[in-house]
Each structure stands twice: as structure tokens, then as C-alpha cells.
PDB file of N, CA and C in Angstrom:
ATOM      1  N   MET A   1      98.684  92.171  78.131  1.00  0.00           N
ATOM      2  CA  MET A   1      99.463  91.165  78.970  1.00  0.00           C
ATOM      3  C   MET A   1      98.489  89.997  79.313  1.00  0.00           C
ATOM      4  N   LEU A   2      97.543  89.936  79.667  1.00  0.00           N
ATOM      5  CA  LEU A   2      96.805  88.761  79.841  1.00  0.00           C
ATOM      6  C   LEU A   2      96.907  87.585  78.755  1.00  0.00           C
ATOM      7  N   SER A   3      96.670  88.072  77.760  1.00  0.00           N
ATOM      8  CA  SER A   3      96.507  87.605  76.250  1.00  0.00           C
ATOM      9  C   SER A   3      97.868  86.713  76.282  1.00  0.00           C
ATOM     10  N   ASP A   4      99.607  87.287  76.579  1.00  0.00           N
ATOM     11  CA  ASP A   4     100.546  87.158  76.389  1.00  0.00           C
ATOM     12  C   ASP A   4     100.698  85.789  77.618  1.00  0.00           C
ATOM     13  N   LEU A   5      99.774  85.184  78.396  1.00  0.00           N
ATOM     14  CA  LEU A   5     100.187  84.613  79.120  1.00  0.00           C
ATOM     15  C   LEU A   5      99.453  82.965  78.886  1.00  0.00           C
ATOM     16  N   ASN A   6      98.691  83.069  77.847  1.00  0.00           N
ATOM     17  CA  ASN A   6      97.603  81.588  77.342  1.00  0.00           C
ATOM     18  C   ASN A   6      96.830  80.872  78.274  1.00  0.00           C
ATOM     19  N   TYR A   7      96.485  81.660  79.471  1.00  0.00           N
ATOM     20  CA  TYR A   7      95.357  81.431  80.469  1.00  0.00           C
ATOM     21  C   TYR A   7      94.636  82.132  80.135  1.00  0.00           C
ATOM     22  N   SER A   8      93.519  81.230  80.829  1.00  0.00           N
ATOM     23  CA  SER A   8      92.380  82.064  80.819  1.00  0.00           C
ATOM     24  C   SER A   8      91.700  82.068  82.797  1.00  0.00           C
ATOM     25  N   PHE A   9      92.421  83.132  83.652  1.00  0.00           N
ATOM     26  CA  PHE A   9      91.939  83.355  84.551  1.00  0.00           C
ATOM     27  C   PHE A   9      90.445  83.313  85.137  1.00  0.00           C
ATOM     28  N   SER A  10      89.347  82.599  85.661  1.00  0.00           N
ATOM     29  CA  SER A  10      87.526  82.528  86.303  1.00  0.00           C
ATOM     30  C   SER A  10      87.509  84.330  86.913  1.00  0.00           C
ATOM     31  N   VAL A  11      88.444  84.189  87.657  1.00  0.00           N
ATOM     32  CA  VAL A  11      88.490  85.413  88.661  1.00  0.00           C
ATOM     33  C   VAL A  11      89.586  86.721  88.799  1.00  0.00           C
ATOM     34  N   ILE A  12      89.595  87.881  88.839  1.00  0.00           N
ATOM     35  CA  ILE A  12      90.853  88.670  88.559  1.00  0.00           C
ATOM     36  C   ILE A  12      90.566  90.139  89.941  1.00  0.00           C
ATOM     37  N   GLY A  13      91.408  89.682  90.884  1.00  0.00           N
ATOM     38  CA  GLY A  13      90.942  90.768  91.801  1.00  0.00           C
ATOM     39  C   GLY A  13      91.521  92.332  91.461  1.00  0.00           C
ATOM     40  N   LEU A  14      91.055  93.687  91.214  1.00  0.00           N
ATOM     41  CA  LEU A  14      92.145  94.517  91.437  1.00  0.00           C
ATOM     42  C   LEU A  14      92.147  95.741  92.647  1.00  0.00           C
ATOM     43  N   SER A  15      93.126  96.510  92.993  1.00  0.00           N
ATOM     44  CA  SER A  15      93.111  97.284  93.734  1.00  0.00           C
ATOM     45  C   SER A  15      93.434  98.666  93.245  1.00  0.00           C
ATOM     46  N   GLU A  16      93.329  99.732  93.776  1.00  0.00           N
ATOM     47  CA  GLU A  16      93.582 100.946  93.040  1.00  0.00           C
ATOM     48  C   GLU A  16      92.953 101.174  91.677  1.00  0.00           C
ATOM     49  N   THR A  17      91.411 100.789  91.768  1.00  0.00           N
ATOM     50  CA  THR A  17      90.532 101.035  90.693  1.00  0.00           C
ATOM     51  C   THR A  17      90.663 102.234  90.365  1.00  0.00           C
ATOM     52  N   LYS A  18      90.724 103.578  91.406  1.00  0.00           N
ATOM     53  CA  LYS A  18      90.514 104.977  91.640  1.00  0.00           C
ATOM     54  C   LYS A  18      88.720 105.002  91.126  1.00  0.00           C
ATOM     55  N   ILE A  19      88.142 104.101  91.207  1.00  0.00           N
ATOM     56  CA  ILE A  19      86.483 104.589  91.008  1.00  0.00           C
ATOM     57  C   ILE A  19      86.205 104.724  92.318  1.00  0.00           C
ATOM     58  N   LYS A  20      85.688 106.040  91.932  1.00  0.00           N
ATOM     59  CA  LYS A  20      85.180 107.217  93.405  1.00  0.00           C
ATOM     60  C   LYS A  20      83.736 106.885  93.445  1.00  0.00           C
ATOM     61  N   VAL A  21      83.162 107.259  94.993  1.00  0.00           N
ATOM     62  CA  VAL A  21      81.604 106.991  95.214  1.00  0.00           C
ATOM     63  C   VAL A  21      81.053 108.030  94.245  1.00  0.00           C
ATOM     64  N   GLY A  22      80.139 107.686  93.598  1.00  0.00           N
ATOM     65  CA  GLY A  22      79.551 108.427  92.981  1.00  0.00           C
ATOM     66  C   GLY A  22      79.546 108.803  91.624  1.00  0.00           C
ATOM     67  N   MET A  23      80.427 108.654  91.006  1.00  0.00           N
ATOM     68  CA  MET A  23      81.375 108.218  89.647  1.00  0.00           C
ATOM     69  C   MET A  23      80.943 107.569  89.155  1.00  0.00           C
ATOM     70  N   ASP A  24      80.717 107.740  87.756  1.00  0.00           N
ATOM     71  CA  ASP A  24      80.742 106.128  86.902  1.00  0.00           C
ATOM     72  C   ASP A  24      81.768 105.836  86.469  1.00  0.00           C
ATOM     73  N   SER A  25      81.616 104.633  86.498  1.00  0.00           N
ATOM     74  CA  SER A  25      82.976 103.948  86.012  1.00  0.00           C
ATOM     75  C   SER A  25      83.056 103.617  84.573  1.00  0.00           C
ATOM     76  N   TYR A  26      84.159 104.160  83.758  1.00  0.00           N
ATOM     77  CA  TYR A  26      84.895 103.822  82.903  1.00  0.00           C
ATOM     78  C   TYR A  26      85.558 102.578  82.751  1.00  0.00           C
ATOM     79  N   LEU A  27      84.930 101.306  81.756  1.00  0.00           N
ATOM     80  CA  LEU A  27      86.092 100.186  81.759  1.00  0.00           C
ATOM     81  C   LEU A  27      85.760 100.251  80.247  1.00  0.00           C
ATOM     82  N   ASN A  28      87.569  99.937  79.653  1.00  0.00           N
ATOM     83  CA  ASN A  28      87.541  99.438  78.470  1.00  0.00           C
ATOM     84  C   ASN A  28      88.622  98.779  78.455  1.00  0.00           C
ATOM     85  N   THR A  29      87.695  97.239  78.189  1.00  0.00           N
ATOM     86  CA  THR A  29      88.480  95.873  78.394  1.00  0.00           C
ATOM     87  C   THR A  29      87.826  94.967  77.510  1.00  0.00           C
ATOM     88  N   ASN A  30      88.893  94.165  76.961  1.00  0.00           N
ATOM     89  CA  ASN A  30      88.073  93.100  76.388  1.00  0.00           C
ATOM     90  C   ASN A  30      87.708  92.043  77.287  1.00  0.00           C
ATOM     91  N   LEU A  31      88.102  92.265  78.345  1.00  0.00           N
ATOM     92  CA  LEU A  31      88.406  90.634  79.066  1.00  0.00           C
ATOM     93  C   LEU A  31      86.303  90.402  78.827  1.00  0.00           C
ATOM     94  N   PRO A  32      85.890  89.021  78.797  1.00  0.00           N
ATOM     95  CA  PRO A  32      84.856  88.282  78.984  1.00  0.00           C
ATOM     96  C   PRO A  32      84.133  88.392  80.336  1.00  0.00           C
ATOM     97  N   GLY A  33      82.573  88.584  80.721  1.00  0.00           N
ATOM     98  CA  GLY A  33      82.168  88.473  82.342  1.00  0.00           C
ATOM     99  C   GLY A  33      81.691  89.383  82.660  1.00  0.00           C
ATOM    100  N   CYS A  34      81.561  89.895  84.091  1.00  0.00           N
ATOM    101  CA  CYS A  34      81.247  90.961  84.294  1.00  0.00           C
ATOM    102  C   CYS A  34      82.188  91.792  85.267  1.00  0.00           C
ATOM    103  N   PHE A  35      82.193  93.309  85.624  1.00  0.00           N
ATOM    104  CA  PHE A  35      82.757  93.852  86.933  1.00  0.00           C
ATOM    105  C   PHE A  35      82.101  94.180  88.247  1.00  0.00           C
ATOM    106  N   LEU A  36      82.660  93.879  89.349  1.00  0.00           N
ATOM    107  CA  LEU A  36      81.919  93.714  90.469  1.00  0.00           C
ATOM    108  C   LEU A  36      82.865  95.336  90.974  1.00  0.00           C
ATOM    109  N   SER A  37      82.461  96.027  91.037  1.00  0.00           N
ATOM    110  CA  SER A  37      83.306  96.983  91.798  1.00  0.00           C
ATOM    111  C   SER A  37      82.906  97.683  93.410  1.00  0.00           C
ATOM    112  N   GLN A  38      83.968  98.217  94.379  1.00  0.00           N
ATOM    113  CA  GLN A  38      83.618  98.436  95.433  1.00  0.00           C
ATOM    114  C   GLN A  38      84.564 100.359  95.603  1.00  0.00           C
ATOM    115  N   PRO A  39      83.834 101.114  95.131  1.00  0.00           N
ATOM    116  CA  PRO A  39      84.422 102.408  94.928  1.00  0.00           C
ATOM    117  C   PRO A  39      84.784 102.952  96.580  1.00  0.00           C
ATOM    118  N   SER A  40      85.888 103.769  96.208  1.00  0.00           N
ATOM    119  CA  SER A  40      86.703 104.836  97.345  1.00  0.00           C
ATOM    120  C   SER A  40      86.254 106.252  97.647  1.00  0.00           C
ATOM    121  N   MET A  41      86.185 106.877  98.616  1.00  0.00           N
ATOM    122  CA  MET A  41      85.870 107.782  99.087  1.00  0.00           C
ATOM    123  C   MET A  41      86.878 109.179  98.192  1.00  0.00           C
ATOM    124  N   SER A  42      88.542 108.871  97.862  1.00  0.00           N
ATOM    125  CA  SER A  42      89.176 109.135  97.989  1.00  0.00           C
ATOM    126  C   SER A  42      89.500 109.302  96.154  1.00  0.00           C
ATOM    127  N   ASN A  43      90.604 109.480  96.214  1.00  0.00           N
ATOM    128  CA  ASN A  43      90.959 109.655  94.566  1.00  0.00           C
ATOM    129  C   ASN A  43      91.909 108.210  94.597  1.00  0.00           C
ATOM    130  N   ALA A  44      92.070 107.955  95.173  1.00  0.00           N
ATOM    131  CA  ALA A  44      92.829 106.680  95.124  1.00  0.00           C
ATOM    132  C   ALA A  44      91.954 105.473  95.477  1.00  0.00           C
ATOM    133  N   GLY A  45      92.785 104.096  95.842  1.00  0.00           N
ATOM    134  CA  GLY A  45      91.805 102.484  96.021  1.00  0.00           C
ATOM    135  C   GLY A  45      91.046 102.715  95.170  1.00  0.00           C
ATOM    136  N   GLY A  46      89.949 101.895  96.040  1.00  0.00           N
ATOM    137  CA  GLY A  46      88.947 101.092  95.293  1.00  0.00           C
ATOM    138  C   GLY A  46      89.237  99.678  94.888  1.00  0.00           C
ATOM    139  N   VAL A  47      88.465  99.091  95.147  1.00  0.00           N
ATOM    140  CA  VAL A  47      88.921  97.514  94.924  1.00  0.00           C
ATOM    141  C   VAL A  47      87.264  96.778  93.900  1.00  0.00           C
ATOM    142  N   GLY A  48      88.165  95.911  92.805  1.00  0.00           N
ATOM    143  CA  GLY A  48      86.869  95.039  92.523  1.00  0.00           C
ATOM    144  C   GLY A  48      87.488  93.839  91.552  1.00  0.00           C
ATOM    145  N   PHE A  49      86.308  93.285  91.510  1.00  0.00           N
ATOM    146  CA  PHE A  49      86.675  91.514  90.894  1.00  0.00           C
ATOM    147  C   PHE A  49      86.253  91.742  89.282  1.00  0.00           C
ATOM    148  N   TYR A  50      86.605  91.445  88.415  1.00  0.00           N
ATOM    149  CA  TYR A  50      86.499  90.479  87.314  1.00  0.00           C
ATOM    150  C   TYR A  50      85.927  88.876  87.188  1.00  0.00           C
ATOM    151  N   ILE A  51      84.518  88.997  86.939  1.00  0.00           N
ATOM    152  CA  ILE A  51      84.202  87.114  86.977  1.00  0.00           C
ATOM    153  C   ILE A  51      83.606  86.951  86.028  1.00  0.00           C
ATOM    154  N   LYS A  52      84.435  85.508  85.403  1.00  0.00           N
ATOM    155  CA  LYS A  52      83.830  85.287  84.292  1.00  0.00           C
ATOM    156  C   LYS A  52      82.430  84.530  84.265  1.00  0.00           C
ATOM    157  N   ASP A  53      81.569  84.574  83.386  1.00  0.00           N
ATOM    158  CA  ASP A  53      80.314  84.710  82.816  1.00  0.00           C
ATOM    159  C   ASP A  53      80.057  83.602  83.036  1.00  0.00           C
ATOM    160  N   ASN A  54      80.595  82.398  83.030  1.00  0.00           N
ATOM    161  CA  ASN A  54      80.536  81.286  83.060  1.00  0.00           C
ATOM    162  C   ASN A  54      80.161  80.695  85.279  1.00  0.00           C
ATOM    163  N   LEU A  55      80.484  81.597  86.194  1.00  0.00           N
ATOM    164  CA  LEU A  55      80.523  81.260  87.497  1.00  0.00           C
ATOM    165  C   LEU A  55      79.520  81.925  88.155  1.00  0.00           C
ATOM    166  N   SER A  56      78.774  80.839  88.930  1.00  0.00           N
ATOM    167  CA  SER A  56      77.528  81.471  89.425  1.00  0.00           C
ATOM    168  C   SER A  56      78.434  82.175  90.909  1.00  0.00           C
ATOM    169  N   TYR A  57      77.839  82.919  91.463  1.00  0.00           N
ATOM    170  CA  TYR A  57      78.766  83.876  92.277  1.00  0.00           C
ATOM    171  C   TYR A  57      77.521  84.815  93.654  1.00  0.00           C
ATOM    172  N   ILE A  58      78.421  84.654  94.838  1.00  0.00           N
ATOM    173  CA  ILE A  58      76.806  85.835  95.985  1.00  0.00           C
ATOM    174  C   ILE A  58      77.937  86.815  96.281  1.00  0.00           C
ATOM    175  N   LYS A  59      77.454  87.930  95.769  1.00  0.00           N
ATOM    176  CA  LYS A  59      78.633  89.435  96.412  1.00  0.00           C
ATOM    177  C   LYS A  59      77.816  89.023  97.483  1.00  0.00           C
ATOM    178  N   HIS A  60      78.770  89.402  99.421  1.00  0.00           N
ATOM    179  CA  HIS A  60      78.356  89.236 100.140  1.00  0.00           C
ATOM    180  C   HIS A  60      78.447  90.889 101.010  1.00  0.00           C
ATOM    181  N   ASP A  61      77.611  91.520 100.177  1.00  0.00           N
ATOM    182  CA  ASP A  61      77.460  92.947 100.722  1.00  0.00           C
ATOM    183  C   ASP A  61      77.802  92.980 102.542  1.00  0.00           C
ATOM    184  N   ASP A  62      77.096  92.218 102.935  1.00  0.00           N
ATOM    185  CA  ASP A  62      77.248  92.515 104.113  1.00  0.00           C
ATOM    186  C   ASP A  62      79.132  92.989 105.047  1.00  0.00           C
ATOM    187  N   PHE A  63      79.748  92.680 104.055  1.00  0.00           N
ATOM    188  CA  PHE A  63      81.481  92.490 104.411  1.00  0.00           C
ATOM    189  C   PHE A  63      81.948  93.755 103.357  1.00  0.00           C
ATOM    190  N   CYS A  64      81.103  94.585 102.324  1.00  0.00           N
ATOM    191  CA  CYS A  64      81.519  95.063 101.457  1.00  0.00           C
ATOM    192  C   CYS A  64      81.161  96.430 102.219  1.00  0.00           C
ATOM    193  N   THR A  65      82.559  97.084 102.066  1.00  0.00           N
ATOM    194  CA  THR A  65      82.703  98.427 102.720  1.00  0.00           C
ATOM    195  C   THR A  65      83.528  99.820 101.866  1.00  0.00           C
ATOM    196  N   THR A  66      83.252 100.921 102.273  1.00  0.00           N
ATOM    197  CA  THR A  66      83.609 101.944 101.754  1.00  0.00           C
ATOM    198  C   THR A  66      84.156 103.062 103.209  1.00  0.00           C
ATOM    199  N   ASN A  67      84.995 103.333 103.159  1.00  0.00           N
ATOM    200  CA  ASN A  67      85.291 103.817 104.389  1.00  0.00           C
ATOM    201  C   ASN A  67      86.612 104.462 104.577  1.00  0.00           C
ATOM    202  N   PRO A  68      86.815 106.051 104.925  1.00  0.00           N
ATOM    203  CA  PRO A  68      88.087 106.761 104.607  1.00  0.00           C
ATOM    204  C   PRO A  68      89.433 105.862 105.158  1.00  0.00           C
ATOM    205  N   GLU A  69      89.191 104.689 106.008  1.00  0.00           N
ATOM    206  CA  GLU A  69      90.581 104.005 105.893  1.00  0.00           C
ATOM    207  C   GLU A  69      90.555 103.191 104.633  1.00  0.00           C
ATOM    208  N   PHE A  70      89.677 102.023 104.866  1.00  0.00           N
ATOM    209  CA  PHE A  70      89.825 101.199 102.987  1.00  0.00           C
ATOM    210  C   PHE A  70      88.559 101.037 102.680  1.00  0.00           C
ATOM    211  N   GLU A  71      88.919 100.359 101.278  1.00  0.00           N
ATOM    212  CA  GLU A  71      87.730  99.816 100.686  1.00  0.00           C
ATOM    213  C   GLU A  71      87.782  98.138 100.759  1.00  0.00           C
ATOM    214  N   SER A  72      86.669  97.209 100.960  1.00  0.00           N
ATOM    215  CA  SER A  72      86.755  95.625 100.889  1.00  0.00           C
ATOM    216  C   SER A  72      85.240  95.293  99.918  1.00  0.00           C
ATOM    217  N   ILE A  73      85.831  94.303  99.172  1.00  0.00           N
ATOM    218  CA  ILE A  73      84.607  93.676  98.383  1.00  0.00           C
ATOM    219  C   ILE A  73      85.136  91.911  98.379  1.00  0.00           C
ATOM    220  N   TRP A  74      83.796  91.357  98.727  1.00  0.00           N
ATOM    221  CA  TRP A  74      83.595  89.280  99.172  1.00  0.00           C
ATOM    222  C   TRP A  74      82.693  89.309  98.076  1.00  0.00           C
ATOM    223  N   ILE A  75      82.799  88.321  97.388  1.00  0.00           N
ATOM    224  CA  ILE A  75      82.266  87.430  96.773  1.00  0.00           C
ATOM    225  C   ILE A  75      82.713  85.742  97.243  1.00  0.00           C
ATOM    226  N   GLU A  76      81.545  84.794  96.716  1.00  0.00           N
ATOM    227  CA  GLU A  76      81.508  83.515  97.261  1.00  0.00           C
ATOM    228  C   GLU A  76      81.321  82.798  95.851  1.00  0.00           C
ATOM    229  N   ILE A  77      82.491  82.148  95.810  1.00  0.00           N
ATOM    230  CA  ILE A  77      82.167  81.416  94.327  1.00  0.00           C
ATOM    231  C   ILE A  77      81.315  80.021  94.451  1.00  0.00           C
ATOM    232  N   GLU A  78      79.853  79.619  93.601  1.00  0.00           N
ATOM    233  CA  GLU A  78      79.565  78.502  94.152  1.00  0.00           C
ATOM    234  C   GLU A  78      80.175  77.275  93.205  1.00  0.00           C
ATOM    235  N   VAL A  79      80.899  76.529  93.792  1.00  0.00           N
ATOM    236  CA  VAL A  79      81.327  75.221  93.141  1.00  0.00           C
ATOM    237  C   VAL A  79      80.373  73.860  93.562  1.00  0.00           C
ATOM    238  N   PRO A  80      79.396  73.373  92.234  1.00  0.00           N
ATOM    239  CA  PRO A  80      78.699  72.364  92.964  1.00  0.00           C
ATOM    240  C   PRO A  80      79.668  70.657  93.286  1.00  0.00           C
ATOM    241  N   LEU A  81      79.264  70.325  94.305  1.00  0.00           N
ATOM    242  CA  LEU A  81      79.473  69.543  94.903  1.00  0.00           C
ATOM    243  C   LEU A  81      80.557  69.424  95.647  1.00  0.00           C
ATOM    244  N   GLN A  82      80.936  70.875  95.889  1.00  0.00           N
ATOM    245  CA  GLN A  82      82.253  70.870  96.595  1.00  0.00           C
ATOM    246  C   GLN A  82      82.184  72.078  96.997  1.00  0.00           C
ATOM    247  N   HIS A  83      82.930  72.762  98.295  1.00  0.00           N
ATOM    248  CA  HIS A  83      82.964  74.241  99.176  1.00  0.00           C
ATOM    249  C   HIS A  83      83.002  74.748  98.286  1.00  0.00           C
ATOM    250  N   ASN A  84      82.265  76.174  98.491  1.00  0.00           N
ATOM    251  CA  ASN A  84      82.301  77.131  98.023  1.00  0.00           C
ATOM    252  C   ASN A  84      83.765  77.812  98.036  1.00  0.00           C
ATOM    253  N   ILE A  85      84.139  78.873  97.399  1.00  0.00           N
ATOM    254  CA  ILE A  85      85.376  79.438  97.206  1.00  0.00           C
ATOM    255  C   ILE A  85      84.669  81.442  97.879  1.00  0.00           C
ATOM    256  N   VAL A  86      85.486  81.723  98.669  1.00  0.00           N
ATOM    257  CA  VAL A  86      85.138  82.873  99.122  1.00  0.00           C
ATOM    258  C   VAL A  86      86.750  83.739  98.792  1.00  0.00           C
ATOM    259  N   CYS A  87      86.021  85.021  97.960  1.00  0.00           N
ATOM    260  CA  CYS A  87      87.382  85.319  97.610  1.00  0.00           C
ATOM    261  C   CYS A  87      86.755  86.753  97.867  1.00  0.00           C
ATOM    262  N   GLY A  88      88.490  87.539  98.811  1.00  0.00           N
ATOM    263  CA  GLY A  88      87.881  88.892  99.298  1.00  0.00           C
ATOM    264  C   GLY A  88      88.872  89.632  98.865  1.00  0.00           C
ATOM    265  N   LEU A  89      88.998  90.893  98.475  1.00  0.00           N
ATOM    266  CA  LEU A  89      89.676  91.806  98.102  1.00  0.00           C
ATOM    267  C   LEU A  89      89.629  93.458  99.513  1.00  0.00           C
ATOM    268  N   LEU A  90      91.026  93.581  99.604  1.00  0.00           N
ATOM    269  CA  LEU A  90      90.862  95.007 100.684  1.00  0.00           C
ATOM    270  C   LEU A  90      91.832  96.096  99.938  1.00  0.00           C
ATOM    271  N   TYR A  91      91.649  97.287  99.934  1.00  0.00           N
ATOM    272  CA  TYR A  91      92.659  98.238 100.050  1.00  0.00           C
ATOM    273  C   TYR A  91      93.031  99.398 100.972  1.00  0.00           C
ATOM    274  N   ARG A  92      94.028  99.176 101.948  1.00  0.00           N
ATOM    275  CA  ARG A  92      94.074 100.080 103.206  1.00  0.00           C
ATOM    276  C   ARG A  92      94.814 101.432 102.516  1.00  0.00           C
ATOM    277  N   HIS A  93      94.438 102.696 102.448  1.00  0.00           N
ATOM    278  CA  HIS A  93      94.866 103.341 102.549  1.00  0.00           C
ATOM    279  C   HIS A  93      96.051 104.132 103.112  1.00  0.00           C
ATOM    280  N   PRO A  94      97.266 104.634 102.895  1.00  0.00           N
ATOM    281  CA  PRO A  94      98.726 104.375 103.376  1.00  0.00           C
ATOM    282  C   PRO A  94      98.425 105.413 105.125  1.00  0.00           C
ATOM    283  N   ASP A  95      99.015 105.289 105.371  1.00  0.00           N
ATOM    284  CA  ASP A  95      98.770 106.190 106.554  1.00  0.00           C
ATOM    285  C   ASP A  95      97.647 106.182 107.587  1.00  0.00           C
ATOM    286  N   GLN A  96      97.103 105.077 107.097  1.00  0.00           N
ATOM    287  CA  GLN A  96      95.353 104.850 108.172  1.00  0.00           C
ATOM    288  C   GLN A  96      95.665 104.123 108.820  1.00  0.00           C
ATOM    289  N   ASN A  97      94.313 103.660 109.528  1.00  0.00           N
ATOM    290  CA  ASN A  97      94.122 102.993 110.811  1.00  0.00           C
ATOM    291  C   ASN A  97      94.511 102.139 110.414  1.00  0.00           C
ATOM    292  N   THR A  98      95.805 101.111 110.833  1.00  0.00           N
ATOM    293  CA  THR A  98      95.778  99.542 110.662  1.00  0.00           C
ATOM    294  C   THR A  98      95.108  98.894 111.801  1.00  0.00           C
ATOM    295  N   ALA A  99      94.941  99.473 112.798  1.00  0.00           N
ATOM    296  CA  ALA A  99      93.914  98.716 113.676  1.00  0.00           C
ATOM    297  C   ALA A  99      92.757  98.475 112.693  1.00  0.00           C
ATOM    298  N   LYS A 100      91.993  99.333 112.650  1.00  0.00           N
ATOM    299  CA  LYS A 100      89.985  99.510 112.048  1.00  0.00           C
ATOM    300  C   LYS A 100      90.158  98.166 111.244  1.00  0.00           C
ATOM    301  N   THR A 101      91.982  98.162 110.031  1.00  0.00           N
ATOM    302  CA  THR A 101      91.597  96.963 109.357  1.00  0.00           C
ATOM    303  C   THR A 101      91.403  95.483 109.915  1.00  0.00           C
ATOM    304  N   VAL A 102      92.858  95.132 110.647  1.00  0.00           N
ATOM    305  CA  VAL A 102      92.776  94.572 111.573  1.00  0.00           C
ATOM    306  C   VAL A 102      91.220  93.731 112.448  1.00  0.00           C
ATOM    307  N   ASP A 103      91.134  94.905 112.707  1.00  0.00           N
ATOM    308  CA  ASP A 103      89.270  94.553 113.858  1.00  0.00           C
ATOM    309  C   ASP A 103      88.531  94.191 112.482  1.00  0.00           C
ATOM    310  N   PHE A 104      88.208  94.526 111.273  1.00  0.00           N
ATOM    311  CA  PHE A 104      87.512  94.520 110.519  1.00  0.00           C
ATOM    312  C   PHE A 104      87.626  92.808 109.911  1.00  0.00           C
ATOM    313  N   LEU A 105      89.005  92.488 109.746  1.00  0.00           N
ATOM    314  CA  LEU A 105      89.126  91.355 108.991  1.00  0.00           C
ATOM    315  C   LEU A 105      89.051  90.335 110.195  1.00  0.00           C
ATOM    316  N   TYR A 106      89.184  90.882 111.004  1.00  0.00           N
ATOM    317  CA  TYR A 106      89.099  89.605 112.119  1.00  0.00           C
ATOM    318  C   TYR A 106      87.035  89.360 112.380  1.00  0.00           C
ATOM    319  N   LYS A 107      85.890  90.450 112.202  1.00  0.00           N
ATOM    320  CA  LYS A 107      84.944  90.161 112.692  1.00  0.00           C
ATOM    321  C   LYS A 107      84.222  89.375 111.279  1.00  0.00           C
ATOM    322  N   VAL A 108      84.858  89.592 110.303  1.00  0.00           N
ATOM    323  CA  VAL A 108      84.742  88.970 108.807  1.00  0.00           C
ATOM    324  C   VAL A 108      85.125  87.463 109.099  1.00  0.00           C
ATOM    325  N   GLY A 109      86.190  87.179 109.828  1.00  0.00           N
ATOM    326  CA  GLY A 109      86.615  85.833 110.205  1.00  0.00           C
ATOM    327  C   GLY A 109      85.564  85.096 110.860  1.00  0.00           C
ATOM    328  N   GLN A 110      85.418  85.772 112.241  1.00  0.00           N
ATOM    329  CA  GLN A 110      84.219  85.681 112.662  1.00  0.00           C
ATOM    330  C   GLN A 110      83.261  84.876 112.504  1.00  0.00           C
ATOM    331  N   LYS A 111      82.669  85.959 111.565  1.00  0.00           N
ATOM    332  CA  LYS A 111      81.122  85.808 110.779  1.00  0.00           C
ATOM    333  C   LYS A 111      81.403  85.016 109.935  1.00  0.00           C
ATOM    334  N   ARG A 112      82.021  84.514 109.352  1.00  0.00           N
ATOM    335  CA  ARG A 112      82.251  83.346 108.343  1.00  0.00           C
ATOM    336  C   ARG A 112      82.534  82.102 108.940  1.00  0.00           C
ATOM    337  N   GLN A 113      83.118  81.922 110.266  1.00  0.00           N
ATOM    338  CA  GLN A 113      83.143  80.946 110.827  1.00  0.00           C
ATOM    339  C   GLN A 113      81.652  80.682 111.602  1.00  0.00           C
ATOM    340  N   LYS A 114      81.250  81.217 112.268  1.00  0.00           N
ATOM    341  CA  LYS A 114      80.079  81.268 112.694  1.00  0.00           C
ATOM    342  C   LYS A 114      78.974  80.828 111.689  1.00  0.00           C
ATOM    343  N   ASP A 115      78.975  81.050 110.521  1.00  0.00           N
ATOM    344  CA  ASP A 115      78.259  80.970 109.602  1.00  0.00           C
ATOM    345  C   ASP A 115      78.242  79.706 109.181  1.00  0.00           C
ATOM    346  N   GLY A 116      79.704  79.019 109.141  1.00  0.00           N
ATOM    347  CA  GLY A 116      80.184  77.496 109.317  1.00  0.00           C
ATOM    348  C   GLY A 116      80.683  77.333 108.056  1.00  0.00           C
ATOM    349  N   ALA A 117      81.058  78.657 107.414  1.00  0.00           N
ATOM    350  CA  ALA A 117      82.109  78.200 105.979  1.00  0.00           C
ATOM    351  C   ALA A 117      83.587  78.120 106.798  1.00  0.00           C
TER     352      ALA A 117
END
């Protein structure tokens, strides 16, 4: 499907990777670059990013989490002479506590604001 678009994405975010904590991830793609993953505690969920090789990035481990309610992964793409781009991906499991997810996102926003981002 991606090849039909005739467009080369720099970053692709995926949810429902179904990569589980403690399991090896089996990737079978022809996408260049690296894959960063935040696994799930259940048989569903999981999030990840494909990132092109030519991008410099920082993974924000302090915002990456796996818990029964949701998984979250955050990266910051370094853009020379401009503001960096922060990308976050979160998967909340159905019927889980929405308030915990909203609270987490609020804390991420507060921390980013405090750090001057």
C-alpha cells in the first residue's frame, strides 16, 4: 500500500502492533530505517515508530510507558536550525480507565512546557 502512494514517509506511527512484553518482535517489512517499539502487557495494543535512517532523533524514555491501561512511545526528531518535532503515540485499551490516560497526557504536556518545548 505504501509503495502505491509514491511518497516516502520520514516517520510512520503504528498502534496495535501486538508486540507483547517479553516477546521477540518479528518484523517482515521492506521499510528502510529503524523500528522503535513500546510493547503491550496484553495480546492487543502496543505502539511503535518506523524512522528513516537519515533522521536524528531522541527517544524520550521518561514518557514511554506500558501499563494495563495504555502504551505510549515518544520521540523528538532533531531539525537543524529549527524547532525539533515531538511525536507521541498512545494506545488506550478499550474499556480501560480514561482518566488515567488523560492524566498521563496532561503530565507529558506539563513536563514538555516546563522544559521549554
